[in-house]
N, C-alpha and C. Protein backbone atom coordinates (compact mmCIF):
# COMPACT_ATOMS: atom_id res chain seq x y z
N MET A 1 33.80 -51.71 -18.09
CA MET A 1 34.08 -52.94 -18.64
C MET A 1 33.05 -53.71 -19.24
N SER A 2 33.45 -54.72 -19.87
CA SER A 2 32.35 -55.67 -20.20
C SER A 2 32.57 -57.10 -20.16
N ALA A 3 31.37 -58.21 -19.99
CA ALA A 3 31.20 -59.40 -19.34
C ALA A 3 30.49 -59.86 -19.90
N ALA A 4 31.11 -61.65 -19.85
CA ALA A 4 29.89 -62.15 -20.79
C ALA A 4 29.50 -63.21 -19.93
N SER A 5 29.06 -63.62 -19.13
CA SER A 5 28.69 -64.82 -17.35
C SER A 5 27.55 -65.97 -18.38
N PRO A 6 27.50 -66.51 -17.97
CA PRO A 6 26.46 -67.20 -17.65
C PRO A 6 25.25 -67.42 -17.32
N ALA A 7 23.57 -67.34 -17.59
CA ALA A 7 22.72 -66.82 -17.06
C ALA A 7 22.46 -67.13 -15.48
N ALA A 8 22.37 -66.63 -14.82
CA ALA A 8 22.01 -67.67 -13.35
C ALA A 8 20.89 -68.65 -13.23
N SER A 9 19.86 -68.25 -14.42
CA SER A 9 18.25 -69.15 -14.47
C SER A 9 18.70 -69.73 -15.38
N SER A 10 19.66 -69.88 -15.86
CA SER A 10 19.51 -71.04 -17.15
C SER A 10 20.00 -72.75 -16.36
N ASP A 11 19.18 -73.29 -17.35
CA ASP A 11 19.07 -74.67 -17.41
C ASP A 11 19.05 -75.30 -18.38
N ALA A 12 20.09 -76.18 -18.32
CA ALA A 12 20.17 -76.64 -19.99
C ALA A 12 18.77 -77.66 -20.08
N THR A 13 18.18 -77.79 -19.83
CA THR A 13 17.34 -78.69 -19.65
C THR A 13 16.05 -77.93 -19.92
N GLY A 14 16.27 -76.94 -19.96
CA GLY A 14 14.50 -76.05 -20.00
C GLY A 14 14.13 -75.81 -21.30
N PRO A 15 12.97 -74.92 -20.70
CA PRO A 15 12.43 -74.53 -22.57
C PRO A 15 13.20 -74.40 -23.53
N ASP A 16 13.14 -74.17 -24.49
CA ASP A 16 14.03 -73.65 -25.47
C ASP A 16 14.44 -71.92 -25.58
N ASP A 17 13.35 -71.21 -25.02
CA ASP A 17 13.00 -69.71 -24.29
C ASP A 17 14.20 -69.68 -23.84
N SER A 18 14.41 -70.00 -23.11
CA SER A 18 15.66 -69.78 -21.63
C SER A 18 16.67 -69.29 -21.68
N VAL A 19 17.31 -68.18 -21.14
CA VAL A 19 18.05 -67.93 -21.35
C VAL A 19 20.18 -68.37 -21.26
N ARG A 20 20.30 -68.52 -21.88
CA ARG A 20 21.93 -69.17 -21.18
C ARG A 20 22.80 -68.61 -21.45
N ALA A 21 23.04 -67.53 -21.35
CA ALA A 21 24.25 -66.53 -21.33
C ALA A 21 23.97 -64.89 -20.90
N VAL A 22 24.63 -64.49 -20.24
CA VAL A 22 24.25 -63.13 -20.52
C VAL A 22 25.57 -62.29 -21.08
N VAL A 23 25.14 -61.20 -21.92
CA VAL A 23 26.62 -60.77 -22.30
C VAL A 23 26.08 -59.36 -21.72
N ASP A 24 26.93 -58.88 -21.02
CA ASP A 24 26.65 -57.65 -20.28
C ASP A 24 27.56 -56.33 -20.56
N ALA A 25 27.40 -55.73 -21.93
CA ALA A 25 28.44 -54.89 -22.77
C ALA A 25 28.69 -54.06 -22.06
N GLY A 26 28.47 -52.89 -21.31
CA GLY A 26 27.52 -51.51 -20.66
C GLY A 26 27.68 -50.38 -21.80
N GLY A 27 28.71 -49.35 -21.94
CA GLY A 27 28.94 -48.94 -22.81
C GLY A 27 29.11 -49.00 -24.47
N GLU A 28 29.75 -50.17 -24.00
CA GLU A 28 31.15 -50.45 -25.24
C GLU A 28 30.18 -50.12 -26.62
N PRO A 29 31.86 -49.44 -27.59
CA PRO A 29 30.76 -50.25 -28.57
C PRO A 29 30.75 -51.01 -29.57
N TRP A 30 29.58 -51.01 -30.27
CA TRP A 30 29.25 -51.96 -31.36
C TRP A 30 30.76 -52.95 -31.73
N SER A 31 31.51 -52.17 -31.79
CA SER A 31 32.56 -53.41 -32.89
C SER A 31 33.56 -54.17 -31.45
N ARG A 32 33.28 -53.44 -29.96
CA ARG A 32 33.77 -54.39 -29.00
C ARG A 32 32.40 -55.41 -28.77
N ILE A 33 31.55 -55.12 -28.42
CA ILE A 33 30.00 -56.16 -28.21
C ILE A 33 30.23 -57.08 -29.51
N LEU A 34 30.24 -56.60 -31.04
CA LEU A 34 30.60 -57.80 -31.71
C LEU A 34 31.25 -59.17 -31.39
N GLY A 35 32.61 -58.63 -31.10
CA GLY A 35 33.28 -59.78 -30.79
C GLY A 35 32.86 -60.46 -29.77
N LEU A 36 32.21 -60.13 -28.44
CA LEU A 36 31.47 -60.46 -27.39
C LEU A 36 30.02 -61.29 -27.48
N LEU A 37 29.68 -60.91 -28.98
CA LEU A 37 28.61 -61.41 -29.66
C LEU A 37 29.06 -63.08 -30.13
N GLU A 38 30.14 -62.87 -31.20
CA GLU A 38 30.69 -63.50 -31.35
C GLU A 38 31.26 -65.28 -31.36
N ARG A 39 32.00 -63.97 -29.97
CA ARG A 39 32.25 -65.29 -29.02
C ARG A 39 31.35 -66.07 -28.46
N ARG A 40 30.29 -65.80 -27.57
CA ARG A 40 29.34 -66.53 -27.17
C ARG A 40 28.88 -67.45 -28.78
N ARG A 41 28.46 -66.76 -29.54
CA ARG A 41 27.45 -67.39 -30.84
C ARG A 41 28.63 -69.32 -30.71
N CYS A 42 29.30 -69.25 -30.60
CA CYS A 42 30.36 -70.05 -31.19
C CYS A 42 30.27 -71.21 -30.36
N GLU A 43 30.67 -70.38 -28.54
CA GLU A 43 30.64 -71.26 -26.96
C GLU A 43 28.83 -72.24 -27.03
N LEU A 44 27.72 -71.59 -27.61
CA LEU A 44 26.78 -71.84 -27.52
C LEU A 44 26.51 -73.61 -28.13
N PRO A 45 25.59 -74.34 -27.48
CA PRO A 45 24.82 -74.52 -28.51
C PRO A 45 24.11 -73.76 -29.57
N LEU A 46 23.83 -74.39 -30.44
CA LEU A 46 22.52 -74.12 -31.64
C LEU A 46 21.10 -73.52 -31.12
N GLY A 47 20.63 -73.28 -31.37
CA GLY A 47 19.18 -72.79 -30.76
C GLY A 47 19.28 -72.15 -29.77
N SER A 48 20.63 -72.05 -28.86
CA SER A 48 19.71 -71.21 -27.51
C SER A 48 19.96 -69.89 -27.28
N VAL A 49 19.49 -69.28 -26.69
CA VAL A 49 19.56 -68.15 -26.20
C VAL A 49 19.74 -67.91 -25.66
N LEU A 50 20.57 -66.26 -25.77
CA LEU A 50 21.09 -65.38 -25.00
C LEU A 50 21.08 -64.05 -24.77
N GLU A 51 20.61 -63.22 -23.84
CA GLU A 51 21.03 -62.39 -23.88
C GLU A 51 22.12 -60.98 -23.78
N LEU A 52 21.78 -59.68 -24.28
CA LEU A 52 22.34 -58.86 -24.68
C LEU A 52 22.02 -57.53 -23.65
N HIS A 53 22.62 -56.79 -22.51
CA HIS A 53 22.59 -55.98 -22.29
C HIS A 53 24.22 -55.06 -22.72
N SER A 54 22.73 -53.37 -23.07
CA SER A 54 23.80 -52.75 -23.36
C SER A 54 23.41 -50.69 -23.06
N ALA A 55 23.92 -49.89 -23.06
CA ALA A 55 24.16 -48.61 -22.18
C ALA A 55 24.51 -48.45 -23.50
N ASN A 56 24.59 -48.53 -24.48
CA ASN A 56 24.63 -47.64 -25.12
C ASN A 56 23.77 -48.18 -26.90
N PRO A 57 22.58 -46.56 -27.05
CA PRO A 57 21.53 -46.58 -27.61
C PRO A 57 21.34 -46.79 -29.52
N GLN A 58 23.47 -46.67 -29.81
CA GLN A 58 23.93 -46.88 -30.80
C GLN A 58 23.34 -48.13 -31.33
N VAL A 59 23.54 -48.88 -30.71
CA VAL A 59 23.93 -50.42 -30.76
C VAL A 59 22.25 -51.14 -31.25
N ARG A 60 21.53 -50.45 -31.53
CA ARG A 60 19.89 -51.26 -31.75
C ARG A 60 20.68 -51.69 -33.07
N SER A 61 20.01 -51.09 -34.40
CA SER A 61 19.75 -51.10 -35.44
C SER A 61 21.51 -52.25 -35.42
N SER A 62 22.50 -52.22 -35.01
CA SER A 62 23.36 -52.80 -34.98
C SER A 62 23.10 -54.53 -35.28
N VAL A 63 22.53 -54.86 -33.49
CA VAL A 63 21.90 -55.80 -32.80
C VAL A 63 20.20 -56.64 -34.22
N ARG A 64 20.12 -55.30 -35.34
CA ARG A 64 19.06 -56.65 -35.21
C ARG A 64 19.94 -57.21 -36.95
N GLU A 65 20.72 -56.07 -37.41
CA GLU A 65 21.43 -56.83 -38.27
C GLU A 65 22.00 -57.74 -38.22
N TRP A 66 23.42 -57.67 -37.07
CA TRP A 66 23.78 -58.80 -36.73
C TRP A 66 23.00 -60.84 -36.78
N CYS A 67 21.60 -60.16 -35.97
CA CYS A 67 21.02 -60.83 -36.18
C CYS A 67 20.14 -61.73 -37.24
N ARG A 68 20.05 -60.71 -38.72
CA ARG A 68 20.11 -61.03 -40.07
C ARG A 68 21.01 -61.86 -40.53
N LEU A 69 22.02 -61.47 -40.41
CA LEU A 69 23.70 -61.82 -41.05
C LEU A 69 23.64 -63.32 -40.11
N THR A 70 23.22 -63.84 -39.18
CA THR A 70 23.75 -64.62 -38.16
C THR A 70 22.63 -65.96 -38.92
N GLY A 71 21.25 -65.37 -39.16
CA GLY A 71 20.57 -66.34 -39.15
C GLY A 71 19.62 -66.74 -37.66
N SER A 72 20.18 -65.86 -36.83
CA SER A 72 19.31 -65.13 -35.13
C SER A 72 18.68 -64.80 -35.31
N THR A 73 17.38 -64.89 -34.63
CA THR A 73 15.53 -64.08 -33.63
C THR A 73 15.70 -63.33 -32.75
N LEU A 74 15.79 -61.59 -32.71
CA LEU A 74 15.27 -61.28 -32.48
C LEU A 74 14.04 -61.33 -31.21
N LEU A 75 13.76 -62.42 -29.65
CA LEU A 75 13.06 -62.52 -29.38
C LEU A 75 12.55 -61.41 -28.90
N ALA A 76 13.42 -60.57 -28.30
CA ALA A 76 12.71 -59.55 -27.16
C ALA A 76 13.59 -58.79 -27.44
N GLU A 77 13.58 -57.51 -27.21
CA GLU A 77 14.00 -55.78 -27.08
C GLU A 77 13.21 -54.99 -26.07
N GLU A 78 13.71 -54.71 -24.78
CA GLU A 78 13.24 -53.69 -23.39
C GLU A 78 14.24 -52.74 -23.09
N GLU A 79 13.40 -51.83 -22.75
CA GLU A 79 14.09 -50.71 -22.96
C GLU A 79 14.16 -49.54 -21.28
N THR A 80 15.20 -49.54 -20.46
CA THR A 80 15.07 -48.78 -19.55
C THR A 80 15.45 -47.59 -20.06
N ARG A 81 15.55 -46.76 -19.01
CA ARG A 81 15.95 -44.97 -18.88
C ARG A 81 17.60 -45.62 -18.85
N ASP A 82 18.36 -46.83 -18.76
CA ASP A 82 19.86 -46.60 -18.49
C ASP A 82 20.54 -47.83 -19.30
N VAL A 83 19.81 -48.68 -19.43
CA VAL A 83 20.03 -50.11 -20.60
C VAL A 83 19.07 -50.57 -21.31
N SER A 84 19.60 -51.57 -22.48
CA SER A 84 18.32 -52.13 -23.50
C SER A 84 19.22 -53.44 -23.06
N ALA A 85 17.47 -54.01 -23.09
CA ALA A 85 17.98 -55.55 -23.24
C ALA A 85 17.43 -56.22 -24.93
N TYR A 86 18.53 -57.15 -25.14
CA TYR A 86 17.73 -57.84 -26.45
C TYR A 86 18.34 -59.51 -26.21
N ARG A 87 16.77 -59.80 -26.57
CA ARG A 87 17.11 -61.71 -26.38
C ARG A 87 17.19 -61.82 -27.76
N ILE A 88 18.72 -63.00 -27.41
CA ILE A 88 17.97 -63.53 -29.72
C ILE A 88 18.34 -64.78 -29.21
N LYS A 89 17.30 -65.64 -29.68
CA LYS A 89 17.79 -66.22 -30.37
C LYS A 89 18.82 -67.55 -31.40
N LEU A 90 19.97 -67.39 -30.66
CA LEU A 90 20.44 -68.63 -32.12
C LEU A 90 20.22 -69.31 -33.52
N PRO A 91 21.11 -69.42 -34.15
CA PRO A 91 19.97 -70.33 -34.92
C PRO A 91 19.84 -71.62 -34.43
N PRO A 92 18.47 -72.68 -35.31
CA PRO A 92 18.42 -73.89 -34.71
C PRO A 92 19.49 -74.68 -35.49
N PRO A 93 19.37 -75.97 -34.77
CA PRO A 93 20.82 -76.30 -35.75
C PRO A 93 20.55 -77.20 -37.44
N PRO A 94 20.83 -77.24 -38.24
CA PRO A 94 19.94 -77.50 -39.26
C PRO A 94 19.86 -78.76 -39.83
N VAL A 95 18.60 -79.06 -40.59
CA VAL A 95 18.20 -79.98 -40.51
C VAL A 95 19.26 -80.97 -41.54
N HIS A 96 18.67 -82.64 -41.78
CA HIS A 96 19.63 -83.04 -42.62
C HIS A 96 19.43 -83.20 -43.85
N GLY A 97 20.25 -82.36 -44.74
CA GLY A 97 19.95 -82.78 -46.07
C GLY A 97 19.69 -81.25 -46.90
N THR A 98 19.45 -79.89 -45.48
CA THR A 98 19.50 -78.83 -46.46
C THR A 98 20.84 -78.10 -45.75
N PRO A 99 20.73 -76.96 -46.95
CA PRO A 99 21.72 -75.88 -46.78
C PRO A 99 22.30 -74.81 -46.19
N THR A 100 23.05 -74.85 -44.94
CA THR A 100 23.71 -74.31 -43.96
C THR A 100 24.64 -72.52 -44.49
N PRO A 101 24.23 -71.85 -43.47
CA PRO A 101 24.62 -70.19 -44.10
C PRO A 101 25.72 -70.66 -43.37
N PHE A 102 26.98 -71.99 -42.53
CA PHE A 102 27.58 -71.70 -41.11
C PHE A 102 28.39 -73.00 -42.36
N PRO A 103 30.20 -72.56 -42.61
CA PRO A 103 30.66 -73.45 -43.49
C PRO A 103 31.33 -74.59 -42.65
N VAL A 104 30.78 -75.26 -43.72
CA VAL A 104 31.08 -77.52 -43.71
C VAL A 104 32.58 -77.25 -43.89
N PRO A 105 33.22 -78.02 -42.98
CA PRO A 105 34.46 -78.64 -43.18
C PRO A 105 34.78 -79.59 -43.73
N LYS A 106 35.37 -79.85 -44.46
CA LYS A 106 35.35 -80.49 -45.89
C LYS A 106 35.85 -81.70 -45.15
N PRO A 107 35.94 -82.91 -45.22
CA PRO A 107 36.43 -83.86 -44.91
C PRO A 107 37.61 -84.52 -45.56
N GLU A 108 38.13 -85.11 -44.15
CA GLU A 108 39.78 -85.53 -45.05
C GLU A 108 39.94 -86.39 -46.09
N SER A 109 40.94 -86.33 -46.57
CA SER A 109 41.34 -87.13 -47.19
C SER A 109 42.16 -88.60 -47.65
N PRO A 110 41.84 -90.05 -47.60
CA PRO A 110 42.15 -91.07 -47.18
C PRO A 110 44.35 -90.72 -47.42
């Protein structure tokens, strides 16, 4: 079973690279992991770091592509015999006046 939980060592006022959440995906397929990552991406503040643990060796290229498509950065990748850990930094908040890859809601009309 998959789980997404706050990191035990997370600290909202910690350094930029402290892990805010851990997604333990076990041996789930990429289609399931994608949903878990997207949910966390929407829940966490921009610029947060999350860590994905996966026992499925086939997700490696998908994680890299997801990072590229979302503007996230793959900070680290560690492999053990059974599990791979991916440390991912979500994109930082946009600087005022620069284009953003995320849809911006239109203001309501009067």
